[in-house]
N, C-alpha and C. Protein backbone atom coordinates (compact mmCIF):
# COMPACT_ATOMS: atom_id res chain seq x y z
N MET A 1 48.11 94.39 248.07
CA MET A 1 47.99 93.94 246.70
C MET A 1 48.42 95.07 245.76
N PRO A 2 49.34 94.82 244.81
CA PRO A 2 49.81 95.87 243.93
C PRO A 2 48.74 96.31 242.92
N ARG A 3 48.80 97.57 242.54
CA ARG A 3 47.86 98.12 241.57
C ARG A 3 48.13 97.57 240.19
N GLU A 4 47.05 97.40 239.43
CA GLU A 4 47.21 96.98 238.04
C GLU A 4 47.77 98.11 237.22
N LYS A 5 48.53 97.77 236.20
CA LYS A 5 49.07 98.77 235.28
C LYS A 5 48.64 98.39 233.87
N GLY A 6 48.56 99.38 233.01
CA GLY A 6 48.23 99.13 231.62
C GLY A 6 46.75 99.12 231.34
N ARG A 7 46.42 98.59 230.17
CA ARG A 7 45.05 98.61 229.68
C ARG A 7 44.61 97.19 229.31
N LYS A 8 43.50 96.75 229.90
CA LYS A 8 42.96 95.42 229.63
C LYS A 8 41.55 95.59 229.07
N VAL A 9 41.37 95.28 227.77
CA VAL A 9 40.07 95.45 227.12
C VAL A 9 39.14 94.31 227.55
N VAL A 10 37.93 94.68 227.97
CA VAL A 10 36.93 93.71 228.40
C VAL A 10 35.98 93.40 227.25
N ALA A 11 35.46 94.45 226.60
CA ALA A 11 34.51 94.27 225.50
C ALA A 11 34.72 95.39 224.49
N SER A 12 34.57 95.06 223.21
CA SER A 12 34.65 96.09 222.17
C SER A 12 33.45 95.97 221.24
N ASN A 13 33.08 97.09 220.67
CA ASN A 13 31.91 97.17 219.80
C ASN A 13 32.40 97.32 218.36
N ARG A 14 32.69 96.20 217.70
CA ARG A 14 33.22 96.24 216.35
C ARG A 14 32.16 96.70 215.35
N LYS A 15 30.92 96.43 215.64
CA LYS A 15 29.85 96.81 214.73
C LYS A 15 29.71 98.33 214.64
N ALA A 16 30.08 99.04 215.69
CA ALA A 16 29.97 100.50 215.70
C ALA A 16 30.84 101.12 214.61
N ARG A 17 32.03 100.59 214.41
CA ARG A 17 32.92 101.14 213.37
C ARG A 17 32.38 100.86 211.98
N HIS A 18 31.55 99.85 211.84
CA HIS A 18 30.93 99.54 210.55
C HIS A 18 29.71 100.42 210.30
N ASP A 19 28.93 100.68 211.34
CA ASP A 19 27.67 101.42 211.19
C ASP A 19 27.82 102.93 211.32
N TYR A 20 28.92 103.40 211.89
CA TYR A 20 29.08 104.83 212.15
C TYR A 20 30.42 105.33 211.63
N ALA A 21 30.44 106.59 211.21
CA ALA A 21 31.68 107.28 210.89
C ALA A 21 32.15 107.94 212.19
N ILE A 22 33.29 107.51 212.69
CA ILE A 22 33.81 107.99 213.98
C ILE A 22 34.51 109.33 213.75
N LEU A 23 34.04 110.37 214.44
CA LEU A 23 34.62 111.70 214.29
C LEU A 23 35.62 112.03 215.41
N GLU A 24 35.33 111.58 216.62
CA GLU A 24 36.16 111.93 217.77
C GLU A 24 35.94 110.88 218.86
N THR A 25 36.98 110.57 219.63
CA THR A 25 36.82 109.62 220.73
C THR A 25 37.20 110.28 222.06
N VAL A 26 36.53 109.83 223.13
CA VAL A 26 36.74 110.37 224.46
C VAL A 26 36.74 109.21 225.45
N GLU A 27 37.58 109.30 226.47
CA GLU A 27 37.60 108.29 227.52
C GLU A 27 36.78 108.79 228.70
N ALA A 28 35.89 107.93 229.20
CA ALA A 28 35.05 108.31 230.34
C ALA A 28 35.06 107.20 231.37
N GLY A 29 34.92 107.57 232.62
CA GLY A 29 34.77 106.59 233.69
C GLY A 29 33.32 106.13 233.74
N ILE A 30 33.06 105.01 234.40
CA ILE A 30 31.70 104.49 234.55
C ILE A 30 31.42 104.31 236.03
N GLN A 31 30.22 104.71 236.44
CA GLN A 31 29.82 104.52 237.83
C GLN A 31 29.21 103.11 237.93
N LEU A 32 29.92 102.20 238.61
CA LEU A 32 29.52 100.79 238.68
C LEU A 32 29.31 100.35 240.12
N THR A 33 28.56 99.26 240.27
CA THR A 33 28.43 98.63 241.59
C THR A 33 29.51 97.56 241.70
N GLY A 34 29.67 96.98 242.89
CA GLY A 34 30.72 95.99 243.13
C GLY A 34 30.59 94.75 242.28
N THR A 35 29.37 94.22 242.13
CA THR A 35 29.21 92.99 241.35
C THR A 35 29.42 93.25 239.86
N GLU A 36 29.17 94.48 239.40
CA GLU A 36 29.43 94.81 237.99
C GLU A 36 30.93 94.81 237.73
N VAL A 37 31.70 95.33 238.65
CA VAL A 37 33.16 95.35 238.49
C VAL A 37 33.69 93.92 238.47
N LYS A 38 33.19 93.08 239.36
CA LYS A 38 33.64 91.69 239.41
C LYS A 38 33.29 90.95 238.12
N SER A 39 32.11 91.20 237.58
CA SER A 39 31.70 90.58 236.33
C SER A 39 32.57 91.07 235.18
N LEU A 40 32.90 92.37 235.16
CA LEU A 40 33.79 92.90 234.13
C LEU A 40 35.19 92.31 234.23
N ARG A 41 35.68 92.12 235.46
CA ARG A 41 37.01 91.55 235.63
C ARG A 41 37.08 90.12 235.10
N LEU A 42 35.94 89.43 235.04
CA LEU A 42 35.89 88.10 234.44
C LEU A 42 35.80 88.17 232.92
N GLY A 43 35.73 89.39 232.37
CA GLY A 43 35.70 89.57 230.92
C GLY A 43 34.32 89.42 230.32
N ARG A 44 33.29 89.68 231.09
CA ARG A 44 31.93 89.46 230.62
C ARG A 44 31.21 90.80 230.44
N ALA A 45 30.97 91.19 229.18
CA ALA A 45 30.22 92.41 228.87
C ALA A 45 29.90 92.43 227.38
N SER A 46 28.87 93.18 227.02
CA SER A 46 28.50 93.32 225.61
C SER A 46 28.03 94.75 225.35
N LEU A 47 28.50 95.32 224.26
CA LEU A 47 28.14 96.68 223.89
C LEU A 47 27.34 96.74 222.59
N VAL A 48 26.69 95.65 222.21
CA VAL A 48 26.08 95.55 220.89
C VAL A 48 25.07 96.66 220.62
N ASP A 49 24.10 96.89 221.47
CA ASP A 49 23.08 97.90 221.23
C ASP A 49 23.26 99.13 222.12
N ALA A 50 24.42 99.29 222.71
CA ALA A 50 24.63 100.35 223.70
C ALA A 50 24.78 101.72 223.04
N PHE A 51 24.37 102.75 223.78
CA PHE A 51 24.52 104.13 223.35
C PHE A 51 24.57 105.02 224.59
N ALA A 52 25.07 106.23 224.42
CA ALA A 52 25.12 107.19 225.52
C ALA A 52 24.15 108.32 225.21
N GLN A 53 23.51 108.82 226.26
CA GLN A 53 22.51 109.86 226.08
C GLN A 53 22.57 110.85 227.24
N GLU A 54 22.23 112.10 226.94
CA GLU A 54 22.25 113.15 227.95
C GLU A 54 20.91 113.21 228.68
N ARG A 55 20.99 113.34 230.00
CA ARG A 55 19.79 113.51 230.81
C ARG A 55 20.15 114.38 232.00
N ALA A 56 19.49 115.51 232.13
CA ALA A 56 19.68 116.44 233.24
C ALA A 56 21.14 116.91 233.37
N GLY A 57 21.76 117.20 232.23
CA GLY A 57 23.12 117.72 232.25
C GLY A 57 24.20 116.69 232.49
N GLU A 58 23.85 115.41 232.50
CA GLU A 58 24.82 114.32 232.69
C GLU A 58 24.70 113.33 231.53
N LEU A 59 25.73 112.53 231.32
CA LEU A 59 25.69 111.49 230.30
C LEU A 59 25.49 110.14 230.96
N TYR A 60 24.65 109.31 230.33
CA TYR A 60 24.36 107.98 230.83
C TYR A 60 24.55 106.96 229.73
N LEU A 61 25.04 105.79 230.10
CA LEU A 61 25.23 104.69 229.17
C LEU A 61 24.01 103.78 229.26
N HIS A 62 23.32 103.61 228.13
CA HIS A 62 22.11 102.81 228.07
C HIS A 62 22.38 101.50 227.32
N ALA A 63 21.69 100.45 227.71
CA ALA A 63 21.64 99.15 227.01
C ALA A 63 22.97 98.41 226.95
N ALA A 64 23.93 98.78 227.74
CA ALA A 64 25.17 97.99 227.82
C ALA A 64 24.87 96.80 228.72
N HIS A 65 25.25 95.61 228.28
CA HIS A 65 24.92 94.40 229.02
C HIS A 65 26.14 93.90 229.79
N ILE A 66 26.04 93.96 231.11
CA ILE A 66 27.04 93.37 232.00
C ILE A 66 26.30 92.30 232.78
N PRO A 67 26.53 91.02 232.47
CA PRO A 67 25.74 89.95 233.12
C PRO A 67 25.97 89.90 234.63
N GLU A 68 25.00 89.30 235.30
CA GLU A 68 25.10 89.19 236.76
C GLU A 68 26.33 88.38 237.16
N TYR A 69 26.91 88.74 238.28
CA TYR A 69 28.06 88.04 238.82
C TYR A 69 27.58 86.70 239.37
N THR A 70 28.23 85.61 238.98
CA THR A 70 27.75 84.27 239.34
C THR A 70 27.78 84.00 240.84
N GLN A 71 28.78 84.52 241.56
CA GLN A 71 28.83 84.31 243.00
C GLN A 71 28.08 85.38 243.79
N GLY A 72 27.41 86.29 243.08
CA GLY A 72 26.68 87.35 243.76
C GLY A 72 25.42 86.80 244.43
N THR A 73 24.95 87.50 245.44
CA THR A 73 23.74 87.08 246.15
C THR A 73 22.64 88.09 245.85
N TRP A 74 21.90 88.48 246.85
CA TRP A 74 20.85 89.46 246.65
C TRP A 74 21.41 90.83 246.29
N THR A 75 22.73 91.00 246.40
CA THR A 75 23.36 92.28 246.05
C THR A 75 23.65 92.41 244.56
N ASN A 76 23.30 91.41 243.76
CA ASN A 76 23.59 91.45 242.34
C ASN A 76 22.89 92.61 241.66
N HIS A 77 23.43 93.01 240.53
CA HIS A 77 22.92 94.16 239.78
C HIS A 77 21.99 93.72 238.65
N GLU A 78 21.28 94.67 238.08
CA GLU A 78 20.45 94.42 236.90
C GLU A 78 21.36 94.50 235.67
N PRO A 79 21.34 93.49 234.78
CA PRO A 79 22.32 93.45 233.68
C PRO A 79 22.28 94.63 232.71
N ARG A 80 21.12 95.16 232.38
CA ARG A 80 21.03 96.24 231.40
C ARG A 80 20.64 97.58 232.01
N ARG A 81 21.04 97.83 233.23
CA ARG A 81 20.67 99.08 233.88
C ARG A 81 21.41 100.27 233.25
N THR A 82 20.88 101.46 233.44
CA THR A 82 21.51 102.68 232.96
C THR A 82 22.64 103.06 233.91
N ARG A 83 23.81 103.36 233.35
CA ARG A 83 24.99 103.67 234.16
C ARG A 83 25.48 105.08 233.87
N LYS A 84 25.81 105.82 234.90
CA LYS A 84 26.28 107.19 234.74
C LYS A 84 27.72 107.19 234.25
N LEU A 85 28.03 108.08 233.31
CA LEU A 85 29.38 108.24 232.80
C LEU A 85 30.04 109.42 233.50
N LEU A 86 31.29 109.25 233.87
CA LEU A 86 32.02 110.25 234.64
C LEU A 86 32.99 110.98 233.73
N LEU A 87 32.70 112.26 233.50
CA LEU A 87 33.52 113.09 232.62
C LEU A 87 33.81 114.43 233.27
N ASN A 88 34.86 115.06 232.81
CA ASN A 88 35.18 116.43 233.17
C ASN A 88 34.05 117.33 232.67
N ARG A 89 33.70 118.37 233.41
CA ARG A 89 32.57 119.23 233.04
C ARG A 89 32.75 119.87 231.67
N LEU A 90 33.98 120.28 231.32
CA LEU A 90 34.22 120.88 230.01
C LEU A 90 33.98 119.86 228.89
N GLU A 91 34.49 118.63 229.05
CA GLU A 91 34.27 117.58 228.06
C GLU A 91 32.79 117.27 227.93
N LEU A 92 32.12 117.21 229.07
CA LEU A 92 30.70 116.90 229.11
C LEU A 92 29.89 117.94 228.33
N ASN A 93 30.14 119.20 228.59
CA ASN A 93 29.43 120.27 227.89
C ASN A 93 29.72 120.26 226.40
N LYS A 94 30.96 119.98 226.03
CA LYS A 94 31.34 119.93 224.61
C LYS A 94 30.60 118.80 223.89
N LEU A 95 30.58 117.62 224.50
CA LEU A 95 29.89 116.48 223.88
C LEU A 95 28.38 116.70 223.78
N ILE A 96 27.79 117.22 224.84
CA ILE A 96 26.35 117.48 224.83
C ILE A 96 26.00 118.51 223.77
N GLY A 97 26.82 119.55 223.65
CA GLY A 97 26.59 120.58 222.63
C GLY A 97 26.67 120.02 221.23
N LYS A 98 27.66 119.19 220.96
CA LYS A 98 27.82 118.62 219.62
C LYS A 98 26.68 117.67 219.27
N THR A 99 26.20 116.90 220.23
CA THR A 99 25.10 115.98 219.93
C THR A 99 23.80 116.73 219.71
N ARG A 100 23.60 117.84 220.40
CA ARG A 100 22.37 118.62 220.24
C ARG A 100 22.33 119.36 218.92
N GLU A 101 23.43 119.99 218.53
CA GLU A 101 23.39 120.88 217.38
C GLU A 101 23.53 120.18 216.04
N SER A 102 24.33 119.16 215.94
CA SER A 102 24.64 118.62 214.62
C SER A 102 24.13 117.20 214.38
N GLY A 103 23.27 116.70 215.24
CA GLY A 103 22.68 115.39 214.99
C GLY A 103 23.66 114.23 215.11
N LEU A 104 24.71 114.39 215.89
CA LEU A 104 25.66 113.31 216.10
C LEU A 104 25.18 112.45 217.26
N THR A 105 25.74 111.26 217.37
CA THR A 105 25.37 110.37 218.46
C THR A 105 26.62 109.91 219.20
N LEU A 106 26.43 109.48 220.44
CA LEU A 106 27.54 108.97 221.25
C LEU A 106 27.44 107.45 221.33
N VAL A 107 28.45 106.78 220.82
CA VAL A 107 28.46 105.33 220.76
C VAL A 107 29.67 104.81 221.54
N PRO A 108 29.46 103.84 222.46
CA PRO A 108 30.62 103.26 223.15
C PRO A 108 31.37 102.30 222.23
N LEU A 109 32.68 102.46 222.17
CA LEU A 109 33.51 101.58 221.33
C LEU A 109 34.09 100.42 222.12
N SER A 110 34.44 100.67 223.39
CA SER A 110 35.01 99.58 224.19
C SER A 110 34.89 99.90 225.67
N ILE A 111 34.88 98.83 226.47
CA ILE A 111 34.98 98.93 227.92
C ILE A 111 36.30 98.26 228.29
N TYR A 112 37.07 98.92 229.14
CA TYR A 112 38.37 98.37 229.51
C TYR A 112 38.76 98.85 230.90
N PHE A 113 39.78 98.21 231.44
CA PHE A 113 40.36 98.63 232.71
C PHE A 113 41.67 99.34 232.41
N LYS A 114 41.81 100.55 232.95
CA LYS A 114 43.04 101.32 232.78
C LYS A 114 43.57 101.62 234.16
N ASP A 115 44.70 101.03 234.48
CA ASP A 115 45.33 101.18 235.80
C ASP A 115 44.36 100.83 236.93
N GLY A 116 43.54 99.81 236.70
CA GLY A 116 42.62 99.32 237.72
C GLY A 116 41.25 99.97 237.71
N TRP A 117 41.04 101.02 236.92
CA TRP A 117 39.76 101.72 236.88
C TRP A 117 39.00 101.33 235.62
N ALA A 118 37.69 101.09 235.75
CA ALA A 118 36.85 100.75 234.59
C ALA A 118 36.58 102.01 233.78
N LYS A 119 36.84 101.93 232.50
CA LYS A 119 36.65 103.06 231.58
C LYS A 119 35.86 102.61 230.37
N VAL A 120 35.23 103.58 229.71
CA VAL A 120 34.54 103.31 228.46
C VAL A 120 35.07 104.32 227.43
N GLU A 121 35.33 103.84 226.22
CA GLU A 121 35.76 104.72 225.13
C GLU A 121 34.53 105.11 224.34
N LEU A 122 34.17 106.38 224.41
CA LEU A 122 33.00 106.91 223.71
C LEU A 122 33.43 107.55 222.41
N ALA A 123 32.60 107.38 221.37
CA ALA A 123 32.89 108.00 220.09
C ALA A 123 31.75 108.94 219.72
N LEU A 124 32.12 110.13 219.28
CA LEU A 124 31.16 111.04 218.68
C LEU A 124 31.06 110.61 217.23
N ALA A 125 29.89 110.15 216.81
CA ALA A 125 29.78 109.49 215.52
C ALA A 125 28.57 109.96 214.73
N ARG A 126 28.68 109.79 213.41
CA ARG A 126 27.57 110.08 212.50
C ARG A 126 27.22 108.77 211.80
N GLY A 127 25.95 108.45 211.73
CA GLY A 127 25.51 107.21 211.11
C GLY A 127 25.86 107.13 209.64
N LYS A 128 26.26 105.96 209.19
CA LYS A 128 26.59 105.75 207.78
C LYS A 128 25.36 105.28 207.02
N ARG A 129 25.29 105.68 205.77
CA ARG A 129 24.26 105.17 204.87
C ARG A 129 24.80 103.89 204.24
N ASP A 130 23.93 103.14 203.55
CA ASP A 130 24.35 101.88 202.93
C ASP A 130 25.45 102.09 201.90
N TYR A 131 25.35 103.17 201.10
CA TYR A 131 26.37 103.38 200.08
C TYR A 131 27.72 103.73 200.71
N ASP A 132 27.70 104.39 201.88
CA ASP A 132 28.96 104.66 202.59
C ASP A 132 29.62 103.36 203.01
N LYS A 133 28.81 102.42 203.49
CA LYS A 133 29.35 101.13 203.93
C LYS A 133 29.94 100.37 202.75
N ARG A 134 29.26 100.43 201.60
CA ARG A 134 29.77 99.75 200.40
C ARG A 134 31.09 100.37 199.94
N GLN A 135 31.18 101.71 200.01
CA GLN A 135 32.42 102.38 199.63
C GLN A 135 33.57 101.98 200.55
N ASP A 136 33.30 101.89 201.85
CA ASP A 136 34.34 101.47 202.79
C ASP A 136 34.80 100.05 202.50
N LEU A 137 33.86 99.15 202.21
CA LEU A 137 34.23 97.77 201.88
C LEU A 137 35.07 97.72 200.61
N ALA A 138 34.68 98.49 199.59
CA ALA A 138 35.44 98.51 198.33
C ALA A 138 36.84 99.07 198.56
N LYS A 139 36.96 100.11 199.38
CA LYS A 139 38.26 100.70 199.68
C LYS A 139 39.15 99.70 200.42
N ARG A 140 38.57 98.98 201.38
CA ARG A 140 39.33 98.00 202.15
C ARG A 140 39.80 96.87 201.23
N ASP A 141 38.93 96.40 200.34
CA ASP A 141 39.32 95.34 199.40
C ASP A 141 40.44 95.80 198.46
N ALA A 142 40.34 97.05 197.99
CA ALA A 142 41.37 97.58 197.10
C ALA A 142 42.71 97.66 197.82
N ASN A 143 42.70 98.13 199.05
CA ASN A 143 43.95 98.21 199.82
C ASN A 143 44.53 96.84 200.09
N ARG A 144 43.67 95.86 200.33
CA ARG A 144 44.14 94.49 200.56
C ARG A 144 44.80 93.94 199.30
N GLU A 145 44.20 94.19 198.13
CA GLU A 145 44.78 93.73 196.86
C GLU A 145 46.12 94.40 196.59
N ILE A 146 46.21 95.69 196.90
CA ILE A 146 47.47 96.41 196.70
C ILE A 146 48.57 95.82 197.58
N SER A 147 48.24 95.56 198.86
CA SER A 147 49.26 95.01 199.75
C SER A 147 49.67 93.60 199.33
N ARG A 148 48.72 92.83 198.81
CA ARG A 148 49.07 91.48 198.31
C ARG A 148 50.01 91.58 197.12
N ALA A 149 49.69 92.49 196.19
CA ALA A 149 50.53 92.65 195.00
C ALA A 149 51.93 93.10 195.38
N LEU A 150 52.02 94.03 196.34
CA LEU A 150 53.34 94.48 196.79
C LEU A 150 54.10 93.34 197.47
N GLY A 151 53.39 92.52 198.22
CA GLY A 151 54.04 91.39 198.88
C GLY A 151 54.56 90.38 197.87
N ARG A 152 53.75 90.10 196.83
CA ARG A 152 54.20 89.17 195.78
C ARG A 152 55.40 89.73 195.03
N ARG A 153 55.38 91.04 194.79
CA ARG A 153 56.48 91.66 194.07
C ARG A 153 57.76 91.63 194.90
N ALA A 154 57.62 91.85 196.22
CA ALA A 154 58.80 91.82 197.10
C ALA A 154 59.40 90.42 197.15
N LYS A 155 58.56 89.41 197.06
CA LYS A 155 59.07 88.03 197.09
C LYS A 155 59.62 87.59 195.73
N GLY A 156 59.32 88.37 194.69
CA GLY A 156 59.81 88.04 193.36
C GLY A 156 58.90 87.10 192.60
N ALA A 157 57.63 87.01 193.01
CA ALA A 157 56.69 86.11 192.34
C ALA A 157 56.18 86.70 191.04
N ASP A 158 56.18 88.02 190.90
CA ASP A 158 55.69 88.66 189.64
C ASP A 158 56.77 88.79 188.62
């Protein structure tokens, strides 16, 4: 059977970009069981309340929901179990240091398959306040109005 090529997104956390200011992103592998991989290949996963946390010098993904595989038997996995993240030691130490010293958090942005391997895109993020969210919405609306006006002008409607 030939190897998969490219990137196939399984689940993305759109709410994270709304609630957090993304400072840096990192790609990490996930330690999964067989039925978790099969469930992910069916496109079933949710990252709504998920976060990454350091424990004993390693990073773990908490509260990510990968539902049980429907054809699984007694070998099925627990849907919200804690999963170990696989990172290079230098990246791991850098992320752990930044989360400890400056009050940043690690939020998963997406789970995807890259060349057949399950990966998670982690973001080093700072939580947004309500006024930050309002400013972002106002900026997005202003940019949308500008692009509409430019489009109308290009068509000769103005």
